[in-house]
Amino acid sequence: STVRFGSIAATEYTYWSDTRVKCKVPAA
């Protein structure tokens, strides 16, 4: 699974659960 900023997927994730996700805005 991924978090997408428009069509660009985040590549760095620090936490993932069924109700919360933490990730970093991708450089691209």
PDB file of all heavy atoms in Angstrom:
ATOM      1  N   SER A   1       0.842  -1.207   0.000  1.00  0.00           N
ATOM      2  CA  SER A   1       0.000   0.000   0.000  1.00  0.00           C
ATOM      3  C   SER A   1       0.875   1.254   0.000  1.00  0.00           C
ATOM      4  O   SER A   1       2.023   1.225   0.485  1.00  0.00           O
ATOM      5  CB  SER A   1      -0.918   0.007   1.218  1.00  0.00           C
ATOM      6  OG  SER A   1      -1.765  -1.128   1.216  1.00  0.00           O
ATOM      7  N   THR A   2       0.323   2.349  -0.514  1.00  0.00           N
ATOM      8  CA  THR A   2       1.095   3.588  -0.606  1.00  0.00           C
ATOM      9  C   THR A   2       0.216   4.799  -0.304  1.00  0.00           C
ATOM     10  O   THR A   2      -1.009   4.737  -0.407  1.00  0.00           O
ATOM     11  CB  THR A   2       1.697   3.785  -2.014  1.00  0.00           C
ATOM     12  OG1 THR A   2       0.619   3.798  -2.976  1.00  0.00           O
ATOM     13  CG2 THR A   2       2.690   2.690  -2.358  1.00  0.00           C
ATOM     14  N   VAL A   3       0.901   5.887   0.061  1.00  0.00           N
ATOM     15  CA  VAL A   3       0.267   7.207   0.128  1.00  0.00           C
ATOM     16  C   VAL A   3       0.750   7.963  -1.101  1.00  0.00           C
ATOM     17  O   VAL A   3       1.955   8.016  -1.373  1.00  0.00           O
ATOM     18  CB  VAL A   3       0.654   7.962   1.412  1.00  0.00           C
ATOM     19  CG1 VAL A   3       0.073   9.377   1.397  1.00  0.00           C
ATOM     20  CG2 VAL A   3       0.181   7.199   2.634  1.00  0.00           C
ATOM     21  N   ARG A   4      -0.197   8.553  -1.853  1.00  0.00           N
ATOM     22  CA  ARG A   4       0.173   9.224  -3.092  1.00  0.00           C
ATOM     23  C   ARG A   4      -0.120  10.713  -3.030  1.00  0.00           C
ATOM     24  O   ARG A   4      -1.174  11.132  -2.536  1.00  0.00           O
ATOM     25  CB  ARG A   4      -0.560   8.591  -4.280  1.00  0.00           C
ATOM     26  CG  ARG A   4      -0.090   7.175  -4.581  1.00  0.00           C
ATOM     27  CD  ARG A   4      -0.768   6.600  -5.818  1.00  0.00           C
ATOM     28  NE  ARG A   4      -0.218   5.291  -6.143  1.00  0.00           N
ATOM     29  CZ  ARG A   4       0.832   5.088  -6.936  1.00  0.00           C
ATOM     30  NH1 ARG A   4       1.431   6.133  -7.492  1.00  0.00           N
ATOM     31  NH2 ARG A   4       1.274   3.862  -7.165  1.00  0.00           N
ATOM     32  N   PHE A   5       0.836  11.462  -3.540  1.00  0.00           N
ATOM     33  CA  PHE A   5       0.713  12.911  -3.664  1.00  0.00           C
ATOM     34  C   PHE A   5       0.483  13.177  -5.153  1.00  0.00           C
ATOM     35  O   PHE A   5       1.439  13.235  -5.928  1.00  0.00           O
ATOM     36  CB  PHE A   5       1.977  13.604  -3.167  1.00  0.00           C
ATOM     37  CG  PHE A   5       2.248  13.361  -1.708  1.00  0.00           C
ATOM     38  CD1 PHE A   5       2.776  12.147  -1.269  1.00  0.00           C
ATOM     39  CD2 PHE A   5       1.953  14.337  -0.764  1.00  0.00           C
ATOM     40  CE1 PHE A   5       3.021  11.916   0.077  1.00  0.00           C
ATOM     41  CE2 PHE A   5       2.196  14.114   0.583  1.00  0.00           C
ATOM     42  CZ  PHE A   5       2.722  12.895   1.007  1.00  0.00           C
ATOM     43  N   GLY A   6      -0.777  13.283  -5.527  1.00  0.00           N
ATOM     44  CA  GLY A   6      -1.071  13.264  -6.945  1.00  0.00           C
ATOM     45  C   GLY A   6      -0.761  11.867  -7.463  1.00  0.00           C
ATOM     46  O   GLY A   6      -1.294  10.874  -6.966  1.00  0.00           O
ATOM     47  N   SER A   7       0.154  11.774  -8.410  1.00  0.00           N
ATOM     48  CA  SER A   7       0.547  10.463  -8.956  1.00  0.00           C
ATOM     49  C   SER A   7       1.838   9.937  -8.358  1.00  0.00           C
ATOM     50  O   SER A   7       2.293   8.846  -8.707  1.00  0.00           O
ATOM     51  CB  SER A   7       0.701  10.570 -10.484  1.00  0.00           C
ATOM     52  OG  SER A   7       1.723  11.507 -10.815  1.00  0.00           O
ATOM     53  N   ILE A   8       2.447  10.706  -7.441  1.00  0.00           N
ATOM     54  CA  ILE A   8       3.753  10.343  -6.869  1.00  0.00           C
ATOM     55  C   ILE A   8       3.561   9.671  -5.515  1.00  0.00           C
ATOM     56  O   ILE A   8       2.953  10.244  -4.595  1.00  0.00           O
ATOM     57  CB  ILE A   8       4.661  11.581  -6.720  1.00  0.00           C
ATOM     58  CG1 ILE A   8       4.817  12.309  -8.055  1.00  0.00           C
ATOM     59  CG2 ILE A   8       6.019  11.168  -6.166  1.00  0.00           C
ATOM     60  CD1 ILE A   8       5.444  11.457  -9.151  1.00  0.00           C
ATOM     61  N   ALA A   9       4.080   8.464  -5.368  1.00  0.00           N
ATOM     62  CA  ALA A   9       3.941   7.717  -4.121  1.00  0.00           C
ATOM     63  C   ALA A   9       5.048   8.072  -3.143  1.00  0.00           C
ATOM     64  O   ALA A   9       6.209   8.272  -3.539  1.00  0.00           O
ATOM     65  CB  ALA A   9       3.963   6.214  -4.412  1.00  0.00           C
ATOM     66  N   ALA A  10       4.695   8.139  -1.880  1.00  0.00           N
ATOM     67  CA  ALA A  10       5.702   8.323  -0.833  1.00  0.00           C
ATOM     68  C   ALA A  10       6.570   7.072  -0.756  1.00  0.00           C
ATOM     69  O   ALA A  10       6.097   5.952  -0.981  1.00  0.00           O
ATOM     70  CB  ALA A  10       5.028   8.582   0.498  1.00  0.00           C
ATOM     71  N   THR A  11       7.832   7.261  -0.429  1.00  0.00           N
ATOM     72  CA  THR A  11       8.754   6.130  -0.336  1.00  0.00           C
ATOM     73  C   THR A  11       9.230   5.890   1.094  1.00  0.00           C
ATOM     74  O   THR A  11       9.795   4.838   1.385  1.00  0.00           O
ATOM     75  CB  THR A  11       9.979   6.370  -1.233  1.00  0.00           C
ATOM     76  OG1 THR A  11      10.611   7.594  -0.845  1.00  0.00           O
ATOM     77  CG2 THR A  11       9.568   6.457  -2.700  1.00  0.00           C
ATOM     78  N   GLU A  12       9.019   6.872   1.991  1.00  0.00           N
ATOM     79  CA  GLU A  12       9.459   6.729   3.382  1.00  0.00           C
ATOM     80  C   GLU A  12       8.242   6.706   4.305  1.00  0.00           C
ATOM     81  O   GLU A  12       7.475   7.676   4.355  1.00  0.00           O
ATOM     82  CB  GLU A  12      10.384   7.873   3.776  1.00  0.00           C
ATOM     83  CG  GLU A  12      11.704   7.892   3.033  1.00  0.00           C
ATOM     84  CD  GLU A  12      12.606   9.012   3.529  1.00  0.00           C
ATOM     85  OE1 GLU A  12      13.106   8.916   4.666  1.00  0.00           O
ATOM     86  OE2 GLU A  12      12.795   9.993   2.781  1.00  0.00           O
ATOM     87  N   TYR A  13       8.087   5.610   5.057  1.00  0.00           N
ATOM     88  CA  TYR A  13       6.965   5.450   5.992  1.00  0.00           C
ATOM     89  C   TYR A  13       7.533   5.162   7.384  1.00  0.00           C
ATOM     90  O   TYR A  13       8.432   4.342   7.543  1.00  0.00           O
ATOM     91  CB  TYR A  13       6.068   4.297   5.546  1.00  0.00           C
ATOM     92  CG  TYR A  13       5.442   4.521   4.189  1.00  0.00           C
ATOM     93  CD1 TYR A  13       6.130   4.153   3.025  1.00  0.00           C
ATOM     94  CD2 TYR A  13       4.197   5.104   4.061  1.00  0.00           C
ATOM     95  CE1 TYR A  13       5.565   4.373   1.770  1.00  0.00           C
ATOM     96  CE2 TYR A  13       3.620   5.315   2.813  1.00  0.00           C
ATOM     97  CZ  TYR A  13       4.310   4.952   1.673  1.00  0.00           C
ATOM     98  OH  TYR A  13       3.760   5.180   0.428  1.00  0.00           O
ATOM     99  N   THR A  14       7.016   5.875   8.377  1.00  0.00           N
ATOM    100  CA  THR A  14       7.489   5.673   9.748  1.00  0.00           C
ATOM    101  C   THR A  14       6.458   4.976  10.620  1.00  0.00           C
ATOM    102  O   THR A  14       6.782   4.533  11.729  1.00  0.00           O
ATOM    103  CB  THR A  14       7.854   7.024  10.387  1.00  0.00           C
ATOM    104  OG1 THR A  14       6.703   7.889  10.332  1.00  0.00           O
ATOM    105  CG2 THR A  14       9.015   7.689   9.630  1.00  0.00           C
ATOM    106  N   TYR A  15       5.210   4.855  10.126  1.00  0.00           N
ATOM    107  CA  TYR A  15       4.179   4.169  10.920  1.00  0.00           C
ATOM    108  C   TYR A  15       3.035   3.778   9.987  1.00  0.00           C
ATOM    109  O   TYR A  15       2.695   4.518   9.064  1.00  0.00           O
ATOM    110  CB  TYR A  15       3.653   5.087  12.031  1.00  0.00           C
ATOM    111  CG  TYR A  15       2.608   4.457  12.915  1.00  0.00           C
ATOM    112  CD1 TYR A  15       2.974   3.591  13.934  1.00  0.00           C
ATOM    113  CD2 TYR A  15       1.256   4.726  12.716  1.00  0.00           C
ATOM    114  CE1 TYR A  15       2.012   2.993  14.748  1.00  0.00           C
ATOM    115  CE2 TYR A  15       0.291   4.147  13.530  1.00  0.00           C
ATOM    116  CZ  TYR A  15       0.674   3.285  14.540  1.00  0.00           C
ATOM    117  OH  TYR A  15      -0.277   2.707  15.342  1.00  0.00           O
ATOM    118  N   TRP A  16       2.445   2.605  10.244  1.00  0.00           N
ATOM    119  CA  TRP A  16       1.287   2.184   9.452  1.00  0.00           C
ATOM    120  C   TRP A  16       0.364   1.346  10.327  1.00  0.00           C
ATOM    121  O   TRP A  16       0.797   0.382  10.961  1.00  0.00           O
ATOM    122  CB  TRP A  16       1.722   1.358   8.232  1.00  0.00           C
ATOM    123  CG  TRP A  16       0.603   1.172   7.222  1.00  0.00           C
ATOM    124  CD1 TRP A  16      -0.489   0.357   7.358  1.00  0.00           C
ATOM    125  CD2 TRP A  16       0.474   1.823   5.974  1.00  0.00           C
ATOM    126  NE1 TRP A  16      -1.306   0.462   6.265  1.00  0.00           N
ATOM    127  CE2 TRP A  16      -0.733   1.356   5.382  1.00  0.00           C
ATOM    128  CE3 TRP A  16       1.252   2.733   5.264  1.00  0.00           C
ATOM    129  CZ2 TRP A  16      -1.179   1.776   4.135  1.00  0.00           C
ATOM    130  CZ3 TRP A  16       0.808   3.170   4.030  1.00  0.00           C
ATOM    131  CH2 TRP A  16      -0.391   2.701   3.477  1.00  0.00           C
ATOM    132  N   SER A  17      -0.898   1.746  10.370  1.00  0.00           N
ATOM    133  CA  SER A  17      -1.924   0.952  11.047  1.00  0.00           C
ATOM    134  C   SER A  17      -3.212   1.086  10.258  1.00  0.00           C
ATOM    135  O   SER A  17      -3.270   1.807   9.250  1.00  0.00           O
ATOM    136  CB  SER A  17      -2.119   1.429  12.488  1.00  0.00           C
ATOM    137  OG  SER A  17      -2.832   2.663  12.515  1.00  0.00           O
ATOM    138  N   ASP A  18      -4.245   0.427  10.718  1.00  0.00           N
ATOM    139  CA  ASP A  18      -5.509   0.447   9.982  1.00  0.00           C
ATOM    140  C   ASP A  18      -6.157   1.828   9.997  1.00  0.00           C
ATOM    141  O   ASP A  18      -6.942   2.160   9.107  1.00  0.00           O
ATOM    142  CB  ASP A  18      -6.479  -0.578  10.588  1.00  0.00           C
ATOM    143  CG  ASP A  18      -7.695  -0.790   9.697  1.00  0.00           C
ATOM    144  OD1 ASP A  18      -7.508  -1.173   8.521  1.00  0.00           O
ATOM    145  OD2 ASP A  18      -8.826  -0.559  10.166  1.00  0.00           O
ATOM    146  N   THR A  19      -5.795   2.668  10.995  1.00  0.00           N
ATOM    147  CA  THR A  19      -6.443   3.986  11.117  1.00  0.00           C
ATOM    148  C   THR A  19      -5.486   5.173  11.023  1.00  0.00           C
ATOM    149  O   THR A  19      -5.926   6.320  11.015  1.00  0.00           O
ATOM    150  CB  THR A  19      -7.172   4.091  12.464  1.00  0.00           C
ATOM    151  OG1 THR A  19      -6.228   3.875  13.529  1.00  0.00           O
ATOM    152  CG2 THR A  19      -8.291   3.075  12.549  1.00  0.00           C
ATOM    153  N   ARG A  20      -4.200   4.895  10.968  1.00  0.00           N
ATOM    154  CA  ARG A  20      -3.229   6.008  10.904  1.00  0.00           C
ATOM    155  C   ARG A  20      -1.989   5.593  10.131  1.00  0.00           C
ATOM    156  O   ARG A  20      -1.469   4.491  10.317  1.00  0.00           O
ATOM    157  CB  ARG A  20      -2.847   6.472  12.307  1.00  0.00           C
ATOM    158  CG  ARG A  20      -1.717   7.492  12.348  1.00  0.00           C
ATOM    159  CD  ARG A  20      -1.563   8.129  13.719  1.00  0.00           C
ATOM    160  NE  ARG A  20      -2.687   9.014  14.001  1.00  0.00           N
ATOM    161  CZ  ARG A  20      -2.777   9.762  15.098  1.00  0.00           C
ATOM    162  NH1 ARG A  20      -1.811   9.709  16.025  1.00  0.00           N
ATOM    163  NH2 ARG A  20      -3.819  10.547  15.287  1.00  0.00           N
ATOM    164  N   VAL A  21      -1.525   6.525   9.304  1.00  0.00           N
ATOM    165  CA  VAL A  21      -0.292   6.320   8.547  1.00  0.00           C
ATOM    166  C   VAL A  21       0.585   7.555   8.721  1.00  0.00           C
ATOM    167  O   VAL A  21       0.083   8.691   8.703  1.00  0.00           O
ATOM    168  CB  VAL A  21      -0.591   6.108   7.038  1.00  0.00           C
ATOM    169  CG1 VAL A  21       0.710   6.103   6.231  1.00  0.00           C
ATOM    170  CG2 VAL A  21      -1.361   4.819   6.824  1.00  0.00           C
ATOM    171  N   LYS A  22       1.893   7.337   8.907  1.00  0.00           N
ATOM    172  CA  LYS A  22       2.853   8.443   8.939  1.00  0.00           C
ATOM    173  C   LYS A  22       3.866   8.215   7.822  1.00  0.00           C
ATOM    174  O   LYS A  22       4.441   7.124   7.703  1.00  0.00           O
ATOM    175  CB  LYS A  22       3.567   8.523  10.285  1.00  0.00           C
ATOM    176  CG  LYS A  22       2.665   8.940  11.429  1.00  0.00           C
ATOM    177  CD  LYS A  22       3.457   9.121  12.725  1.00  0.00           C
ATOM    178  CE  LYS A  22       2.553   9.565  13.861  1.00  0.00           C
ATOM    179  NZ  LYS A  22       3.322   9.793  15.108  1.00  0.00           N
ATOM    180  N   CYS A  23       4.064   9.244   7.015  1.00  0.00           N
ATOM    181  CA  CYS A  23       5.024   9.152   5.911  1.00  0.00           C
ATOM    182  C   CYS A  23       5.636  10.509   5.664  1.00  0.00           C
ATOM    183  O   CYS A  23       5.223  11.513   6.261  1.00  0.00           O
ATOM    184  CB  CYS A  23       4.338   8.630   4.644  1.00  0.00           C
ATOM    185  SG  CYS A  23       3.103   9.766   3.970  1.00  0.00           S
ATOM    186  N   LYS A  24       6.637  10.543   4.772  1.00  0.00           N
ATOM    187  CA  LYS A  24       7.309  11.794   4.430  1.00  0.00           C
ATOM    188  C   LYS A  24       6.970  12.195   3.005  1.00  0.00           C
ATOM    189  O   LYS A  24       6.818  11.338   2.125  1.00  0.00           O
ATOM    190  CB  LYS A  24       8.819  11.656   4.608  1.00  0.00           C
ATOM    191  CG  LYS A  24       9.233  11.449   6.061  1.00  0.00           C
ATOM    192  CD  LYS A  24      10.739  11.420   6.225  1.00  0.00           C
ATOM    193  CE  LYS A  24      11.133  11.253   7.686  1.00  0.00           C
ATOM    194  NZ  LYS A  24      12.608  11.237   7.862  1.00  0.00           N
ATOM    195  N   VAL A  25       6.855  13.509   2.812  1.00  0.00           N
ATOM    196  CA  VAL A  25       6.575  14.020   1.468  1.00  0.00           C
ATOM    197  C   VAL A  25       7.738  13.640   0.562  1.00  0.00           C
ATOM    198  O   VAL A  25       8.897  13.954   0.871  1.00  0.00           O
ATOM    199  CB  VAL A  25       6.391  15.545   1.485  1.00  0.00           C
ATOM    200  CG1 VAL A  25       6.113  16.071   0.075  1.00  0.00           C
ATOM    201  CG2 VAL A  25       5.276  15.941   2.448  1.00  0.00           C
ATOM    202  N   PRO A  26       7.482  12.947  -0.548  1.00  0.00           N
ATOM    203  CA  PRO A  26       8.579  12.509  -1.419  1.00  0.00           C
ATOM    204  C   PRO A  26       9.228  13.681  -2.163  1.00  0.00           C
ATOM    205  O   PRO A  26       8.574  14.685  -2.472  1.00  0.00           O
ATOM    206  CB  PRO A  26       7.884  11.558  -2.403  1.00  0.00           C
ATOM    207  CG  PRO A  26       6.464  12.005  -2.420  1.00  0.00           C
ATOM    208  CD  PRO A  26       6.161  12.494  -1.033  1.00  0.00           C
ATOM    209  N   ALA A  27      10.514  13.522  -2.432  1.00  0.00           N
ATOM    210  CA  ALA A  27      11.258  14.577  -3.130  1.00  0.00           C
ATOM    211  C   ALA A  27      10.712  14.826  -4.526  1.00  0.00           C
ATOM    212  O   ALA A  27      10.816  15.931  -5.063  1.00  0.00           O
ATOM    213  CB  ALA A  27      12.734  14.198  -3.197  1.00  0.00           C
ATOM    214  N   ALA A  28      10.100  13.806  -5.129  1.00  0.00           N
ATOM    215  CA  ALA A  28       9.595  13.945  -6.502  1.00  0.00           C
ATOM    216  C   ALA A  28       8.212  14.574  -6.570  1.00  0.00           C
ATOM    217  O   ALA A  28       7.708  14.839  -7.678  1.00  0.00           O
ATOM    218  CB  ALA A  28       9.572  12.572  -7.175  1.00  0.00           C
TER     219      ALA A  28
END
